Amino acid sequence: MFRIIAHKRYHPTTGLFPKWKFEYDKIRDLNVCPNKKELVYSTTNREGYNKYKSDSKKCENCPLLSQCTRSKYKVKVVTRHVW
């Protein structure tokens, strides 16, 4: 007998902004959060995803922080595939 396993789609964490709320600026290669702050390129992992991180100093006083991340360091990380 074969088991059929359905493909699981991405589901954002409840209560936090989904990834598509962060606009990608192709010219400058960065993401912009809903509060118009920049998430700059950090690294590319082995699976081919670019990581973009926010600046914790800019985010610590943001009114949307509780909807953005639960990180104790107040840093938002957005990943996007290179393709």
PDB file of N, CA and C in Angstrom:
ATOM      1  N   MET A   1       0.823  -1.193   0.000  1.00  0.00           N
ATOM      2  CA  MET A   1       0.000   0.000   0.000  1.00  0.00           C
ATOM      3  C   MET A   1       0.864   1.253   0.000  1.00  0.00           C
ATOM      4  N   PHE A   2       0.408   2.236  -0.737  1.00  0.00           N
ATOM      5  CA  PHE A   2       1.110   3.512  -0.789  1.00  0.00           C
ATOM      6  C   PHE A   2       0.336   4.557   0.003  1.00  0.00           C
ATOM      7  N   ARG A   3       1.084   5.392   0.701  1.00  0.00           N
ATOM      8  CA  ARG A   3       0.458   6.516   1.404  1.00  0.00           C
ATOM      9  C   ARG A   3       0.534   7.746   0.526  1.00  0.00           C
ATOM     10  N   ILE A   4      -0.529   8.456   0.444  1.00  0.00           N
ATOM     11  CA  ILE A   4      -0.553   9.695  -0.326  1.00  0.00           C
ATOM     12  C   ILE A   4      -0.420  10.853   0.654  1.00  0.00           C
ATOM     13  N   ILE A   5       0.601  11.656   0.422  1.00  0.00           N
ATOM     14  CA  ILE A   5       0.850  12.803   1.287  1.00  0.00           C
ATOM     15  C   ILE A   5       0.658  14.067   0.463  1.00  0.00           C
ATOM     16  N   ALA A   6      -0.203  14.918   0.928  1.00  0.00           N
ATOM     17  CA  ALA A   6      -0.487  16.161   0.219  1.00  0.00           C
ATOM     18  C   ALA A   6       0.659  17.154   0.391  1.00  0.00           C
ATOM     19  N   HIS A   7       0.834  18.003  -0.604  1.00  0.00           N
ATOM     20  CA  HIS A   7       1.834  19.069  -0.536  1.00  0.00           C
ATOM     21  C   HIS A   7       1.351  20.138   0.445  1.00  0.00           C
ATOM     22  N   LYS A   8       2.219  20.516   1.372  1.00  0.00           N
ATOM     23  CA  LYS A   8       1.853  21.544   2.342  1.00  0.00           C
ATOM     24  C   LYS A   8       2.313  22.901   1.842  1.00  0.00           C
ATOM     25  N   ARG A   9       1.424  23.843   1.857  1.00  0.00           N
ATOM     26  CA  ARG A   9       1.752  25.198   1.443  1.00  0.00           C
ATOM     27  C   ARG A   9       2.206  26.019   2.640  1.00  0.00           C
ATOM     28  N   TYR A  10       2.859  27.129   2.339  1.00  0.00           N
ATOM     29  CA  TYR A  10       3.326  28.039   3.371  1.00  0.00           C
ATOM     30  C   TYR A  10       2.145  28.679   4.090  1.00  0.00           C
ATOM     31  N   HIS A  11       2.135  28.594   5.409  1.00  0.00           N
ATOM     32  CA  HIS A  11       1.120  29.253   6.234  1.00  0.00           C
ATOM     33  C   HIS A  11       1.845  30.149   7.235  1.00  0.00           C
ATOM     34  N   PRO A  12       1.604  31.451   7.180  1.00  0.00           N
ATOM     35  CA  PRO A  12       2.296  32.355   8.099  1.00  0.00           C
ATOM     36  C   PRO A  12       1.866  32.125   9.542  1.00  0.00           C
ATOM     37  N   THR A  13       2.721  32.506  10.466  1.00  0.00           N
ATOM     38  CA  THR A  13       2.420  32.393  11.877  1.00  0.00           C
ATOM     39  C   THR A  13       1.248  33.305  12.219  1.00  0.00           C
ATOM     40  N   THR A  14       0.301  32.776  12.958  1.00  0.00           N
ATOM     41  CA  THR A  14      -0.889  33.542  13.318  1.00  0.00           C
ATOM     42  C   THR A  14      -0.505  34.766  14.144  1.00  0.00           C
ATOM     43  N   GLY A  15      -1.027  35.918  13.751  1.00  0.00           N
ATOM     44  CA  GLY A  15      -0.768  37.159  14.468  1.00  0.00           C
ATOM     45  C   GLY A  15       0.407  37.960  13.948  1.00  0.00           C
ATOM     46  N   LEU A  16       1.190  37.386  13.028  1.00  0.00           N
ATOM     47  CA  LEU A  16       2.339  38.091  12.463  1.00  0.00           C
ATOM     48  C   LEU A  16       2.086  38.400  10.990  1.00  0.00           C
ATOM     49  N   PHE A  17       2.767  39.447  10.494  1.00  0.00           N
ATOM     50  CA  PHE A  17       2.645  39.801   9.085  1.00  0.00           C
ATOM     51  C   PHE A  17       3.149  38.646   8.217  1.00  0.00           C
ATOM     52  N   PRO A  18       2.429  38.301   7.156  1.00  0.00           N
ATOM     53  CA  PRO A  18       2.948  37.289   6.227  1.00  0.00           C
ATOM     54  C   PRO A  18       4.064  37.884   5.376  1.00  0.00           C
ATOM     55  N   LYS A  19       4.831  36.998   4.762  1.00  0.00           N
ATOM     56  CA  LYS A  19       5.989  37.416   3.971  1.00  0.00           C
ATOM     57  C   LYS A  19       5.618  38.371   2.846  1.00  0.00           C
ATOM     58  N   TRP A  20       4.463  38.197   2.250  1.00  0.00           N
ATOM     59  CA  TRP A  20       4.089  39.035   1.104  1.00  0.00           C
ATOM     60  C   TRP A  20       3.720  40.461   1.498  1.00  0.00           C
ATOM     61  N   LYS A  21       3.660  40.779   2.780  1.00  0.00           N
ATOM     62  CA  LYS A  21       3.451  42.160   3.220  1.00  0.00           C
ATOM     63  C   LYS A  21       4.748  42.970   3.123  1.00  0.00           C
ATOM     64  N   PHE A  22       5.871  42.291   2.942  1.00  0.00           N
ATOM     65  CA  PHE A  22       7.168  42.940   2.823  1.00  0.00           C
ATOM     66  C   PHE A  22       7.478  43.088   1.338  1.00  0.00           C
ATOM     67  N   GLU A  23       7.545  44.333   0.856  1.00  0.00           N
ATOM     68  CA  GLU A  23       7.759  44.602  -0.562  1.00  0.00           C
ATOM     69  C   GLU A  23       9.231  44.414  -0.921  1.00  0.00           C
ATOM     70  N   TYR A  24       9.480  43.744  -2.046  1.00  0.00           N
ATOM     71  CA  TYR A  24      10.846  43.532  -2.518  1.00  0.00           C
ATOM     72  C   TYR A  24      11.216  44.615  -3.515  1.00  0.00           C
ATOM     73  N   ASP A  25      12.349  45.286  -3.270  1.00  0.00           N
ATOM     74  CA  ASP A  25      12.879  46.291  -4.178  1.00  0.00           C
ATOM     75  C   ASP A  25      13.996  45.628  -4.979  1.00  0.00           C
ATOM     76  N   LYS A  26      13.700  45.288  -6.224  1.00  0.00           N
ATOM     77  CA  LYS A  26      14.636  44.544  -7.062  1.00  0.00           C
ATOM     78  C   LYS A  26      15.888  45.349  -7.389  1.00  0.00           C
ATOM     79  N   ILE A  27      15.759  46.648  -7.556  1.00  0.00           N
ATOM     80  CA  ILE A  27      16.890  47.494  -7.932  1.00  0.00           C
ATOM     81  C   ILE A  27      17.921  47.560  -6.804  1.00  0.00           C
ATOM     82  N   ARG A  28      17.446  47.758  -5.579  1.00  0.00           N
ATOM     83  CA  ARG A  28      18.361  47.886  -4.434  1.00  0.00           C
ATOM     84  C   ARG A  28      18.591  46.563  -3.707  1.00  0.00           C
ATOM     85  N   ASP A  29      17.924  45.482  -4.116  1.00  0.00           N
ATOM     86  CA  ASP A  29      18.029  44.148  -3.517  1.00  0.00           C
ATOM     87  C   ASP A  29      17.802  44.190  -2.010  1.00  0.00           C
ATOM     88  N   LEU A  30      16.607  44.662  -1.627  1.00  0.00           N
ATOM     89  CA  LEU A  30      16.216  44.680  -0.225  1.00  0.00           C
ATOM     90  C   LEU A  30      14.704  44.589  -0.115  1.00  0.00           C
ATOM     91  N   ASN A  31      14.225  44.322   1.084  1.00  0.00           N
ATOM     92  CA  ASN A  31      12.797  44.265   1.363  1.00  0.00           C
ATOM     93  C   ASN A  31      12.421  45.461   2.218  1.00  0.00           C
ATOM     94  N   VAL A  32      11.187  45.919   2.072  1.00  0.00           N
ATOM     95  CA  VAL A  32      10.683  47.050   2.846  1.00  0.00           C
ATOM     96  C   VAL A  32       9.496  46.564   3.665  1.00  0.00           C
ATOM     97  N   CYS A  33       9.557  46.795   4.973  1.00  0.00           N
ATOM     98  CA  CYS A  33       8.507  46.317   5.876  1.00  0.00           C
ATOM     99  C   CYS A  33       7.268  47.221   5.779  1.00  0.00           C
ATOM    100  N   PRO A  34       6.142  46.818   6.368  1.00  0.00           N
ATOM    101  CA  PRO A  34       4.929  47.647   6.328  1.00  0.00           C
ATOM    102  C   PRO A  34       5.102  49.027   6.964  1.00  0.00           C
ATOM    103  N   ASN A  35       6.117  49.191   7.827  1.00  0.00           N
ATOM    104  CA  ASN A  35       6.394  50.486   8.450  1.00  0.00           C
ATOM    105  C   ASN A  35       7.459  51.270   7.669  1.00  0.00           C
ATOM    106  N   LYS A  36       7.741  50.834   6.431  1.00  0.00           N
ATOM    107  CA  LYS A  36       8.670  51.503   5.506  1.00  0.00           C
ATOM    108  C   LYS A  36      10.123  51.500   5.984  1.00  0.00           C
ATOM    109  N   LYS A  37      10.523  50.480   6.737  1.00  0.00           N
ATOM    110  CA  LYS A  37      11.930  50.298   7.121  1.00  0.00           C
ATOM    111  C   LYS A  37      12.537  49.231   6.226  1.00  0.00           C
ATOM    112  N   GLU A  38      13.850  49.313   6.011  1.00  0.00           N
ATOM    113  CA  GLU A  38      14.525  48.408   5.085  1.00  0.00           C
ATOM    114  C   GLU A  38      15.062  47.170   5.781  1.00  0.00           C
ATOM    115  N   LEU A  39      14.912  46.022   5.121  1.00  0.00           N
ATOM    116  CA  LEU A  39      15.541  44.780   5.528  1.00  0.00           C
ATOM    117  C   LEU A  39      16.603  44.496   4.483  1.00  0.00           C
ATOM    118  N   VAL A  40      17.866  44.573   4.864  1.00  0.00           N
ATOM    119  CA  VAL A  40      18.961  44.464   3.899  1.00  0.00           C
ATOM    120  C   VAL A  40      19.415  43.012   3.759  1.00  0.00           C
ATOM    121  N   TYR A  41      20.041  42.724   2.618  1.00  0.00           N
ATOM    122  CA  TYR A  41      20.541  41.379   2.329  1.00  0.00           C
ATOM    123  C   TYR A  41      21.561  40.968   3.378  1.00  0.00           C
ATOM    124  N   SER A  42      21.449  39.727   3.848  1.00  0.00           N
ATOM    125  CA  SER A  42      22.368  39.209   4.842  1.00  0.00           C
ATOM    126  C   SER A  42      23.233  38.091   4.268  1.00  0.00           C
ATOM    127  N   THR A  43      22.596  37.037   3.745  1.00  0.00           N
ATOM    128  CA  THR A  43      23.333  35.893   3.226  1.00  0.00           C
ATOM    129  C   THR A  43      22.424  35.033   2.354  1.00  0.00           C
ATOM    130  N   THR A  44      23.026  34.068   1.676  1.00  0.00           N
ATOM    131  CA  THR A  44      22.281  33.063   0.924  1.00  0.00           C
ATOM    132  C   THR A  44      22.592  31.706   1.540  1.00  0.00           C
ATOM    133  N   ASN A  45      21.540  30.936   1.865  1.00  0.00           N
ATOM    134  CA  ASN A  45      21.792  29.634   2.486  1.00  0.00           C
ATOM    135  C   ASN A  45      21.975  28.549   1.426  1.00  0.00           C
ATOM    136  N   ARG A  46      22.232  27.329   1.842  1.00  0.00           N
ATOM    137  CA  ARG A  46      22.529  26.235   0.917  1.00  0.00           C
ATOM    138  C   ARG A  46      21.337  25.818   0.064  1.00  0.00           C
ATOM    139  N   GLU A  47      20.132  26.107   0.533  1.00  0.00           N
ATOM    140  CA  GLU A  47      18.938  25.741  -0.227  1.00  0.00           C
ATOM    141  C   GLU A  47      18.609  26.777  -1.301  1.00  0.00           C
ATOM    142  N   GLY A  48      19.372  27.860  -1.389  1.00  0.00           N
ATOM    143  CA  GLY A  48      19.163  28.863  -2.419  1.00  0.00           C
ATOM    144  C   GLY A  48      18.241  29.995  -2.011  1.00  0.00           C
ATOM    145  N   TYR A  49      18.105  30.243  -0.725  1.00  0.00           N
ATOM    146  CA  TYR A  49      17.256  31.322  -0.231  1.00  0.00           C
ATOM    147  C   TYR A  49      18.121  32.490   0.235  1.00  0.00           C
ATOM    148  N   ASN A  50      17.768  33.690  -0.213  1.00  0.00           N
ATOM    149  CA  ASN A  50      18.415  34.910   0.277  1.00  0.00           C
ATOM    150  C   ASN A  50      17.743  35.312   1.580  1.00  0.00           C
ATOM    151  N   LYS A  51      18.540  35.700   2.564  1.00  0.00           N
ATOM    152  CA  LYS A  51      17.998  36.164   3.838  1.00  0.00           C
ATOM    153  C   LYS A  51      18.187  37.663   3.949  1.00  0.00           C
ATOM    154  N   TYR A  52      17.112  38.330   4.347  1.00  0.00           N
ATOM    155  CA  TYR A  52      17.118  39.774   4.535  1.00  0.00           C
ATOM    156  C   TYR A  52      16.770  40.044   5.989  1.00  0.00           C
ATOM    157  N   LYS A  53      17.598  40.849   6.670  1.00  0.00           N
ATOM    158  CA  LYS A  53      17.406  41.119   8.095  1.00  0.00           C
ATOM    159  C   LYS A  53      17.177  42.602   8.349  1.00  0.00           C
ATOM    160  N   SER A  54      16.378  42.864   9.381  1.00  0.00           N
ATOM    161  CA  SER A  54      16.131  44.244   9.787  1.00  0.00           C
ATOM    162  C   SER A  54      17.194  44.681  10.790  1.00  0.00           C
ATOM    163  N   ASP A  55      17.257  45.979  11.046  1.00  0.00           N
ATOM    164  CA  ASP A  55      18.161  46.548  12.035  1.00  0.00           C
ATOM    165  C   ASP A  55      17.411  46.625  13.364  1.00  0.00           C
ATOM    166  N   SER A  56      17.916  45.951  14.388  1.00  0.00           N
ATOM    167  CA  SER A  56      17.214  45.896  15.685  1.00  0.00           C
ATOM    168  C   SER A  56      17.072  47.277  16.329  1.00  0.00           C
ATOM    169  N   LYS A  57      17.994  48.179  16.069  1.00  0.00           N
ATOM    170  CA  LYS A  57      17.913  49.524  16.648  1.00  0.00           C
ATOM    171  C   LYS A  57      16.745  50.312  16.066  1.00  0.00           C
ATOM    172  N   LYS A  58      16.451  50.080  14.788  1.00  0.00           N
ATOM    173  CA  LYS A  58      15.317  50.755  14.156  1.00  0.00           C
ATOM    174  C   LYS A  58      13.997  50.098  14.545  1.00  0.00           C
ATOM    175  N   CYS A  59      14.032  48.809  14.816  1.00  0.00           N
ATOM    176  CA  CYS A  59      12.800  48.059  15.085  1.00  0.00           C
ATOM    177  C   CYS A  59      12.343  48.101  16.544  1.00  0.00           C
ATOM    178  N   GLU A  60      13.241  48.367  17.482  1.00  0.00           N
ATOM    179  CA  GLU A  60      12.858  48.264  18.888  1.00  0.00           C
ATOM    180  C   GLU A  60      11.764  49.254  19.303  1.00  0.00           C
ATOM    181  N   ASN A  61      11.633  50.380  18.619  1.00  0.00           N
ATOM    182  CA  ASN A  61      10.596  51.367  18.950  1.00  0.00           C
ATOM    183  C   ASN A  61       9.461  51.399  17.929  1.00  0.00           C
ATOM    184  N   CYS A  62       9.394  50.401  17.083  1.00  0.00           N
ATOM    185  CA  CYS A  62       8.377  50.354  16.025  1.00  0.00           C
ATOM    186  C   CYS A  62       7.009  50.012  16.622  1.00  0.00           C
ATOM    187  N   PRO A  63       5.950  50.732  16.219  1.00  0.00           N
ATOM    188  CA  PRO A  63       4.613  50.425  16.734  1.00  0.00           C
ATOM    189  C   PRO A  63       4.057  49.105  16.191  1.00  0.00           C
ATOM    190  N   LEU A  64       4.639  48.583  15.105  1.00  0.00           N
ATOM    191  CA  LEU A  64       4.168  47.330  14.506  1.00  0.00           C
ATOM    192  C   LEU A  64       5.018  46.125  14.892  1.00  0.00           C
ATOM    193  N   LEU A  65       5.925  46.276  15.854  1.00  0.00           N
ATOM    194  CA  LEU A  65       6.859  45.208  16.217  1.00  0.00           C
ATOM    195  C   LEU A  65       6.151  43.922  16.637  1.00  0.00           C
ATOM    196  N   SER A  66       5.079  44.030  17.407  1.00  0.00           N
ATOM    197  CA  SER A  66       4.381  42.828  17.881  1.00  0.00           C
ATOM    198  C   SER A  66       3.705  42.071  16.739  1.00  0.00           C
ATOM    199  N   GLN A  67       3.425  42.753  15.624  1.00  0.00           N
ATOM    200  CA  GLN A  67       2.831  42.106  14.463  1.00  0.00           C
ATOM    201  C   GLN A  67       3.885  41.629  13.474  1.00  0.00           C
ATOM    202  N   CYS A  68       5.139  41.985  13.708  1.00  0.00           N
ATOM    203  CA  CYS A  68       6.212  41.698  12.778  1.00  0.00           C
ATOM    204  C   CYS A  68       7.048  40.483  13.203  1.00  0.00           C
ATOM    205  N   THR A  69       7.494  40.456  14.443  1.00  0.00           N
ATOM    206  CA  THR A  69       8.370  39.388  14.908  1.00  0.00           C
ATOM    207  C   THR A  69       8.188  39.128  16.392  1.00  0.00           C
ATOM    208  N   ARG A  70       8.568  37.938  16.797  1.00  0.00           N
ATOM    209  CA  ARG A  70       8.573  37.569  18.217  1.00  0.00           C
ATOM    210  C   ARG A  70       9.996  37.339  18.703  1.00  0.00           C
ATOM    211  N   SER A  71      10.961  37.732  17.896  1.00  0.00           N
ATOM    212  CA  SER A  71      12.369  37.557  18.223  1.00  0.00           C
ATOM    213  C   SER A  71      12.743  38.389  19.439  1.00  0.00           C
ATOM    214  N   LYS A  72      13.481  37.786  20.373  1.00  0.00           N
ATOM    215  CA  LYS A  72      13.885  38.544  21.563  1.00  0.00           C
ATOM    216  C   LYS A  72      14.925  39.606  21.229  1.00  0.00           C
ATOM    217  N   TYR A  73      15.586  39.472  20.067  1.00  0.00           N
ATOM    218  CA  TYR A  73      16.563  40.469  19.635  1.00  0.00           C
ATOM    219  C   TYR A  73      15.935  41.541  18.752  1.00  0.00           C
ATOM    220  N   LYS A  74      14.600  41.458  18.544  1.00  0.00           N
ATOM    221  CA  LYS A  74      13.846  42.444  17.766  1.00  0.00           C
ATOM    222  C   LYS A  74      14.362  42.567  16.331  1.00  0.00           C
ATOM    223  N   VAL A  75      14.606  41.414  15.707  1.00  0.00           N
ATOM    224  CA  VAL A  75      15.090  41.370  14.334  1.00  0.00           C
ATOM    225  C   VAL A  75      14.122  40.535  13.502  1.00  0.00           C
ATOM    226  N   LYS A  76      13.698  41.071  12.373  1.00  0.00           N
ATOM    227  CA  LYS A  76      12.838  40.343  11.436  1.00  0.00           C
ATOM    228  C   LYS A  76      13.706  39.786  10.318  1.00  0.00           C
ATOM    229  N   VAL A  77      13.503  38.518   9.979  1.00  0.00           N
ATOM    230  CA  VAL A  77      14.225  37.877   8.892  1.00  0.00           C
ATOM    231  C   VAL A  77      13.216  37.418   7.851  1.00  0.00           C
ATOM    232  N   VAL A  78      13.417  37.833   6.594  1.00  0.00           N
ATOM    233  CA  VAL A  78      12.562  37.420   5.480  1.00  0.00           C
ATOM    234  C   VAL A  78      13.437  36.636   4.511  1.00  0.00           C
ATOM    235  N   THR A  79      12.949  35.482   4.068  1.00  0.00           N
ATOM    236  CA  THR A  79      13.698  34.680   3.100  1.00  0.00           C
ATOM    237  C   THR A  79      12.965  34.668   1.767  1.00  0.00           C
ATOM    238  N   ARG A  80      13.729  34.738   0.682  1.00  0.00           N
ATOM    239  CA  ARG A  80      13.178  34.666  -0.675  1.00  0.00           C
ATOM    240  C   ARG A  80      14.110  33.794  -1.508  1.00  0.00           C
ATOM    241  N   HIS A  81      13.515  32.941  -2.323  1.00  0.00           N
ATOM    242  CA  HIS A  81      14.325  32.056  -3.172  1.00  0.00           C
ATOM    243  C   HIS A  81      14.939  32.858  -4.311  1.00  0.00           C
ATOM    244  N   VAL A  82      16.150  32.478  -4.709  1.00  0.00           N
ATOM    245  CA  VAL A  82      16.873  33.234  -5.737  1.00  0.00           C
ATOM    246  C   VAL A  82      16.190  33.162  -7.083  1.00  0.00           C
ATOM    247  N   TRP A  83      15.386  32.140  -7.350  1.00  0.00           N
ATOM    248  CA  TRP A  83      14.679  32.022  -8.615  1.00  0.00           C
ATOM    249  C   TRP A  83      13.352  32.696  -8.516  1.00  0.00           C
TER     250      TRP A  83
END
